[in-house]
Amino acid sequence: MSTLSLAEINAQIKQQEEQLAQLKASAEAQRKEEIASVIQVLRAKITEYGISAKELGLGAAKAKQGRRATLAESIVKGTQYKGPNGEIWTSGTRGRKPGWLTAELANGKTLEELAA
């Protein structure tokens, strides 16, 4: 068994790094092709079934362009509840429940009925 010189080891490392870069570039190109294919299928289905942007939940996202709300933010926010006068309260926020919500619950309403 022969030992490799430092130059030979460095040459092998460089060769492996070049191969890795080629594989990453190939994987990215394949990913882009797959995404293009999926988009094409989705567009066809949207047209076929007459689905609107609003039905896909894209209308609200467009209205919030100034403040980019991520999916994680919307999940963390919690459920929103609407009061009798249009008040909105989001569960998971700090502090006590608002008075209108406590009063509505005391009058026999459920959180499910108050969900916005």
N, C-alpha and C. Protein backbone atom coordinates (compact mmCIF):
# COMPACT_ATOMS: atom_id res chain seq x y z
N MET A 1 0.84 -1.16 0.00
CA MET A 1 0.00 0.00 0.00
C MET A 1 0.90 1.24 0.00
N SER A 2 0.61 2.12 -0.93
CA SER A 2 1.44 3.32 -1.02
C SER A 2 0.73 4.49 -0.37
N THR A 3 1.51 5.38 0.16
CA THR A 3 0.93 6.57 0.79
C THR A 3 0.89 7.69 -0.24
N LEU A 4 -0.10 8.49 -0.14
CA LEU A 4 -0.27 9.60 -1.06
C LEU A 4 0.46 10.83 -0.54
N SER A 5 0.94 11.58 -1.46
CA SER A 5 1.61 12.82 -1.07
C SER A 5 0.54 13.88 -0.80
N LEU A 6 0.96 14.94 -0.15
CA LEU A 6 0.05 16.04 0.16
C LEU A 6 -0.51 16.64 -1.13
N ALA A 7 0.29 16.76 -2.15
CA ALA A 7 -0.15 17.32 -3.42
C ALA A 7 -1.22 16.43 -4.05
N GLU A 8 -1.03 15.12 -3.96
CA GLU A 8 -2.01 14.18 -4.52
C GLU A 8 -3.34 14.25 -3.76
N ILE A 9 -3.25 14.37 -2.45
CA ILE A 9 -4.46 14.48 -1.63
C ILE A 9 -5.20 15.77 -1.97
N ASN A 10 -4.47 16.88 -2.08
CA ASN A 10 -5.09 18.16 -2.44
C ASN A 10 -5.72 18.10 -3.83
N ALA A 11 -5.08 17.40 -4.76
CA ALA A 11 -5.63 17.25 -6.12
C ALA A 11 -6.93 16.46 -6.07
N GLN A 12 -6.98 15.41 -5.25
CA GLN A 12 -8.20 14.62 -5.11
C GLN A 12 -9.33 15.45 -4.48
N ILE A 13 -8.96 16.24 -3.49
CA ILE A 13 -9.95 17.10 -2.83
C ILE A 13 -10.52 18.09 -3.85
N LYS A 14 -9.65 18.71 -4.64
CA LYS A 14 -10.10 19.67 -5.64
C LYS A 14 -11.02 18.99 -6.66
N GLN A 15 -10.66 17.79 -7.09
CA GLN A 15 -11.47 17.04 -8.05
C GLN A 15 -12.86 16.72 -7.45
N GLN A 16 -12.88 16.32 -6.19
CA GLN A 16 -14.15 15.99 -5.52
C GLN A 16 -15.02 17.25 -5.36
N GLU A 17 -14.38 18.37 -5.03
CA GLU A 17 -15.12 19.62 -4.89
C GLU A 17 -15.73 20.06 -6.22
N GLU A 18 -14.99 19.89 -7.32
CA GLU A 18 -15.51 20.21 -8.65
C GLU A 18 -16.69 19.30 -9.00
N GLN A 19 -16.57 18.03 -8.66
CA GLN A 19 -17.65 17.08 -8.92
C GLN A 19 -18.89 17.45 -8.09
N LEU A 20 -18.68 17.85 -6.84
CA LEU A 20 -19.78 18.26 -5.98
C LEU A 20 -20.48 19.50 -6.56
N ALA A 21 -19.71 20.46 -7.04
CA ALA A 21 -20.29 21.67 -7.63
C ALA A 21 -21.11 21.32 -8.87
N GLN A 22 -20.61 20.39 -9.69
CA GLN A 22 -21.36 19.96 -10.88
C GLN A 22 -22.67 19.27 -10.48
N LEU A 23 -22.61 18.43 -9.46
CA LEU A 23 -23.81 17.73 -9.00
C LEU A 23 -24.84 18.72 -8.44
N LYS A 24 -24.38 19.71 -7.69
CA LYS A 24 -25.30 20.72 -7.16
C LYS A 24 -25.95 21.51 -8.28
N ALA A 25 -25.17 21.88 -9.30
CA ALA A 25 -25.72 22.63 -10.44
C ALA A 25 -26.73 21.78 -11.19
N SER A 26 -26.44 20.51 -11.35
CA SER A 26 -27.35 19.59 -12.02
C SER A 26 -28.65 19.43 -11.23
N ALA A 27 -28.54 19.31 -9.91
CA ALA A 27 -29.72 19.16 -9.05
C ALA A 27 -30.58 20.42 -9.12
N GLU A 28 -29.96 21.59 -9.14
CA GLU A 28 -30.70 22.84 -9.21
C GLU A 28 -31.43 22.97 -10.54
N ALA A 29 -30.77 22.59 -11.63
CA ALA A 29 -31.40 22.63 -12.95
C ALA A 29 -32.60 21.68 -13.00
N GLN A 30 -32.44 20.49 -12.43
CA GLN A 30 -33.53 19.52 -12.40
C GLN A 30 -34.69 20.04 -11.55
N ARG A 31 -34.37 20.68 -10.44
CA ARG A 31 -35.40 21.24 -9.57
C ARG A 31 -36.20 22.30 -10.32
N LYS A 32 -35.51 23.18 -11.06
CA LYS A 32 -36.18 24.23 -11.81
C LYS A 32 -37.10 23.64 -12.87
N GLU A 33 -36.66 22.57 -13.53
CA GLU A 33 -37.49 21.90 -14.53
C GLU A 33 -38.75 21.31 -13.88
N GLU A 34 -38.59 20.68 -12.71
CA GLU A 34 -39.73 20.09 -12.02
C GLU A 34 -40.71 21.17 -11.59
N ILE A 35 -40.21 22.30 -11.09
CA ILE A 35 -41.08 23.39 -10.68
C ILE A 35 -41.86 23.92 -11.88
N ALA A 36 -41.19 24.09 -13.00
CA ALA A 36 -41.87 24.56 -14.22
C ALA A 36 -42.97 23.59 -14.63
N SER A 37 -42.71 22.31 -14.51
CA SER A 37 -43.70 21.29 -14.84
C SER A 37 -44.90 21.35 -13.90
N VAL A 38 -44.64 21.50 -12.62
CA VAL A 38 -45.72 21.58 -11.62
C VAL A 38 -46.55 22.84 -11.86
N ILE A 39 -45.91 23.96 -12.14
CA ILE A 39 -46.63 25.20 -12.40
C ILE A 39 -47.52 25.05 -13.61
N GLN A 40 -47.03 24.38 -14.64
CA GLN A 40 -47.82 24.16 -15.85
C GLN A 40 -49.06 23.33 -15.53
N VAL A 41 -48.91 22.28 -14.74
CA VAL A 41 -50.04 21.43 -14.36
C VAL A 41 -51.03 22.23 -13.50
N LEU A 42 -50.52 23.00 -12.54
CA LEU A 42 -51.40 23.80 -11.69
C LEU A 42 -52.19 24.83 -12.50
N ARG A 43 -51.53 25.50 -13.42
CA ARG A 43 -52.23 26.47 -14.26
C ARG A 43 -53.35 25.81 -15.06
N ALA A 44 -53.06 24.62 -15.58
CA ALA A 44 -54.08 23.90 -16.35
C ALA A 44 -55.27 23.55 -15.46
N LYS A 45 -55.02 23.08 -14.24
CA LYS A 45 -56.09 22.71 -13.32
C LYS A 45 -56.89 23.94 -12.88
N ILE A 46 -56.20 25.04 -12.64
CA ILE A 46 -56.88 26.28 -12.24
C ILE A 46 -57.82 26.73 -13.35
N THR A 47 -57.33 26.67 -14.59
CA THR A 47 -58.17 27.04 -15.73
C THR A 47 -59.33 26.06 -15.89
N GLU A 48 -59.03 24.78 -15.78
CA GLU A 48 -60.05 23.74 -15.97
C GLU A 48 -61.19 23.87 -14.96
N TYR A 49 -60.87 24.16 -13.72
CA TYR A 49 -61.88 24.23 -12.67
C TYR A 49 -62.35 25.66 -12.37
N GLY A 50 -61.77 26.64 -13.04
CA GLY A 50 -62.18 28.03 -12.85
C GLY A 50 -61.91 28.54 -11.44
N ILE A 51 -60.78 28.17 -10.87
CA ILE A 51 -60.43 28.57 -9.51
C ILE A 51 -59.89 29.99 -9.53
N SER A 52 -60.36 30.81 -8.60
CA SER A 52 -59.91 32.20 -8.53
C SER A 52 -58.74 32.34 -7.56
N ALA A 53 -58.05 33.47 -7.67
CA ALA A 53 -56.94 33.76 -6.76
C ALA A 53 -57.45 33.86 -5.33
N LYS A 54 -58.65 34.39 -5.17
CA LYS A 54 -59.23 34.52 -3.84
C LYS A 54 -59.48 33.15 -3.22
N GLU A 55 -59.96 32.21 -4.03
CA GLU A 55 -60.20 30.85 -3.53
C GLU A 55 -58.90 30.16 -3.11
N LEU A 56 -57.83 30.55 -3.74
CA LEU A 56 -56.52 30.00 -3.38
C LEU A 56 -55.89 30.73 -2.21
N GLY A 57 -56.55 31.80 -1.75
CA GLY A 57 -56.02 32.57 -0.64
C GLY A 57 -54.96 33.56 -1.06
N LEU A 58 -54.93 33.89 -2.34
CA LEU A 58 -53.91 34.81 -2.84
C LEU A 58 -54.36 36.26 -2.81
N GLY A 59 -55.65 36.52 -2.71
CA GLY A 59 -56.15 37.89 -2.68
C GLY A 59 -55.68 38.62 -1.43
N ALA A 60 -55.74 37.96 -0.28
CA ALA A 60 -55.33 38.58 0.98
C ALA A 60 -53.83 38.82 0.99
N ALA A 61 -53.08 37.91 0.40
CA ALA A 61 -51.62 38.06 0.38
C ALA A 61 -51.23 39.28 -0.46
N LYS A 62 -51.96 39.52 -1.54
CA LYS A 62 -51.65 40.65 -2.39
C LYS A 62 -51.94 41.97 -1.67
N ALA A 63 -52.96 41.98 -0.84
CA ALA A 63 -53.31 43.19 -0.10
C ALA A 63 -52.26 43.52 0.96
N LYS A 64 -51.50 42.54 1.40
CA LYS A 64 -50.50 42.73 2.45
C LYS A 64 -49.09 42.85 1.87
N GLN A 65 -48.96 43.35 0.65
CA GLN A 65 -47.64 43.42 0.04
C GLN A 65 -46.68 44.30 0.82
N GLY A 66 -47.19 45.38 1.42
CA GLY A 66 -46.32 46.28 2.17
C GLY A 66 -45.67 45.59 3.34
N ARG A 67 -46.40 44.73 4.00
CA ARG A 67 -45.87 43.99 5.15
C ARG A 67 -45.95 42.52 4.82
N ARG A 68 -44.84 41.94 4.51
CA ARG A 68 -44.82 40.54 4.08
C ARG A 68 -45.07 39.62 5.26
N ALA A 69 -46.28 39.11 5.35
CA ALA A 69 -46.63 38.16 6.40
C ALA A 69 -46.27 36.76 5.92
N THR A 70 -45.50 36.05 6.71
CA THR A 70 -45.12 34.70 6.34
C THR A 70 -46.14 33.71 6.88
N LEU A 71 -46.10 32.50 6.35
CA LEU A 71 -47.01 31.46 6.82
C LEU A 71 -46.77 31.20 8.29
N ALA A 72 -45.52 31.20 8.72
CA ALA A 72 -45.21 30.96 10.13
C ALA A 72 -45.84 32.03 11.01
N GLU A 73 -45.81 33.29 10.57
CA GLU A 73 -46.42 34.36 11.36
C GLU A 73 -47.92 34.16 11.48
N SER A 74 -48.55 33.76 10.39
CA SER A 74 -50.00 33.60 10.44
C SER A 74 -50.40 32.41 11.30
N ILE A 75 -49.57 31.39 11.38
CA ILE A 75 -49.86 30.24 12.23
C ILE A 75 -49.69 30.63 13.70
N VAL A 76 -48.65 31.40 14.00
CA VAL A 76 -48.37 31.79 15.37
C VAL A 76 -49.44 32.74 15.90
N LYS A 77 -50.05 33.55 15.03
CA LYS A 77 -51.03 34.53 15.45
C LYS A 77 -52.20 33.91 16.20
N GLY A 78 -52.64 32.75 15.81
CA GLY A 78 -53.77 32.12 16.48
C GLY A 78 -55.09 32.45 15.81
N THR A 79 -56.16 31.99 16.41
CA THR A 79 -57.49 32.19 15.86
C THR A 79 -57.99 33.59 16.19
N GLN A 80 -58.68 34.18 15.24
CA GLN A 80 -59.24 35.50 15.48
C GLN A 80 -60.73 35.37 15.79
N TYR A 81 -61.19 36.21 16.71
CA TYR A 81 -62.59 36.22 17.12
C TYR A 81 -63.15 37.61 16.89
N LYS A 82 -64.40 37.67 16.43
CA LYS A 82 -65.02 38.94 16.09
C LYS A 82 -66.13 39.26 17.07
N GLY A 83 -66.12 40.47 17.58
CA GLY A 83 -67.10 40.91 18.55
C GLY A 83 -68.37 41.43 17.89
N PRO A 84 -69.39 41.75 18.68
CA PRO A 84 -70.67 42.20 18.14
C PRO A 84 -70.58 43.54 17.41
N ASN A 85 -69.62 44.35 17.74
CA ASN A 85 -69.46 45.66 17.09
C ASN A 85 -68.28 45.68 16.12
N GLY A 86 -67.85 44.50 15.70
CA GLY A 86 -66.75 44.41 14.74
C GLY A 86 -65.37 44.35 15.36
N GLU A 87 -65.29 44.26 16.69
CA GLU A 87 -63.98 44.17 17.34
C GLU A 87 -63.32 42.84 16.96
N ILE A 88 -62.01 42.84 16.93
CA ILE A 88 -61.25 41.62 16.62
C ILE A 88 -60.28 41.35 17.75
N TRP A 89 -60.23 40.10 18.19
CA TRP A 89 -59.25 39.68 19.19
C TRP A 89 -58.62 38.38 18.71
N THR A 90 -57.31 38.27 18.84
CA THR A 90 -56.58 37.09 18.40
C THR A 90 -56.12 36.29 19.60
N SER A 91 -56.45 35.00 19.58
CA SER A 91 -56.02 34.14 20.68
C SER A 91 -54.50 34.01 20.67
N GLY A 92 -53.94 33.74 21.82
CA GLY A 92 -52.50 33.60 21.92
C GLY A 92 -51.79 34.91 22.18
N THR A 93 -52.54 36.00 22.23
CA THR A 93 -51.92 37.29 22.53
C THR A 93 -51.78 37.44 24.04
N ARG A 94 -50.94 38.33 24.45
CA ARG A 94 -50.69 38.51 25.88
C ARG A 94 -51.81 39.30 26.52
N GLY A 95 -52.04 39.05 27.78
CA GLY A 95 -53.03 39.80 28.52
C GLY A 95 -54.36 39.07 28.62
N ARG A 96 -55.31 39.76 29.26
CA ARG A 96 -56.64 39.18 29.47
C ARG A 96 -57.47 39.23 28.20
N LYS A 97 -58.50 38.40 28.17
CA LYS A 97 -59.46 38.44 27.08
C LYS A 97 -60.22 39.76 27.20
N PRO A 98 -60.61 40.33 26.07
CA PRO A 98 -61.35 41.59 26.13
C PRO A 98 -62.72 41.41 26.78
N GLY A 99 -63.25 42.50 27.29
CA GLY A 99 -64.53 42.47 27.99
C GLY A 99 -65.67 41.96 27.12
N TRP A 100 -65.70 42.39 25.86
CA TRP A 100 -66.78 41.94 24.98
C TRP A 100 -66.76 40.43 24.80
N LEU A 101 -65.56 39.83 24.74
CA LEU A 101 -65.47 38.38 24.57
C LEU A 101 -65.94 37.67 25.84
N THR A 102 -65.51 38.15 26.98
CA THR A 102 -65.95 37.56 28.25
C THR A 102 -67.46 37.65 28.38
N ALA A 103 -68.05 38.80 27.99
CA ALA A 103 -69.50 38.98 28.07
C ALA A 103 -70.22 38.04 27.12
N GLU A 104 -69.71 37.88 25.91
CA GLU A 104 -70.34 36.99 24.94
C GLU A 104 -70.30 35.54 25.43
N LEU A 105 -69.16 35.14 26.01
CA LEU A 105 -69.06 33.77 26.54
C LEU A 105 -70.01 33.57 27.72
N ALA A 106 -70.16 34.60 28.54
CA ALA A 106 -71.07 34.54 29.69
C ALA A 106 -72.52 34.43 29.23
N ASN A 107 -72.82 35.00 28.06
CA ASN A 107 -74.18 34.94 27.52
C ASN A 107 -74.46 33.64 26.77
N GLY A 108 -73.53 32.70 26.82
CA GLY A 108 -73.77 31.39 26.24
C GLY A 108 -73.19 31.13 24.87
N LYS A 109 -72.53 32.13 24.30
CA LYS A 109 -71.90 31.91 23.00
C LYS A 109 -70.62 31.09 23.17
N THR A 110 -70.21 30.40 22.11
CA THR A 110 -68.98 29.62 22.14
C THR A 110 -67.92 30.33 21.31
N LEU A 111 -66.66 29.97 21.54
CA LEU A 111 -65.58 30.55 20.76
C LEU A 111 -65.75 30.23 19.29
N GLU A 112 -66.26 29.04 18.98
CA GLU A 112 -66.45 28.65 17.58
C GLU A 112 -67.45 29.58 16.90
N GLU A 113 -68.49 30.01 17.63
CA GLU A 113 -69.47 30.92 17.06
C GLU A 113 -68.89 32.31 16.82
N LEU A 114 -67.90 32.68 17.60
CA LEU A 114 -67.30 34.02 17.50
C LEU A 114 -66.09 34.06 16.59
N ALA A 115 -65.65 32.90 16.10
CA ALA A 115 -64.48 32.85 15.23
C ALA A 115 -64.74 33.69 13.98
N ALA A 116 -63.75 34.51 13.62
CA ALA A 116 -63.90 35.41 12.46
C ALA A 116 -63.65 34.65 11.17
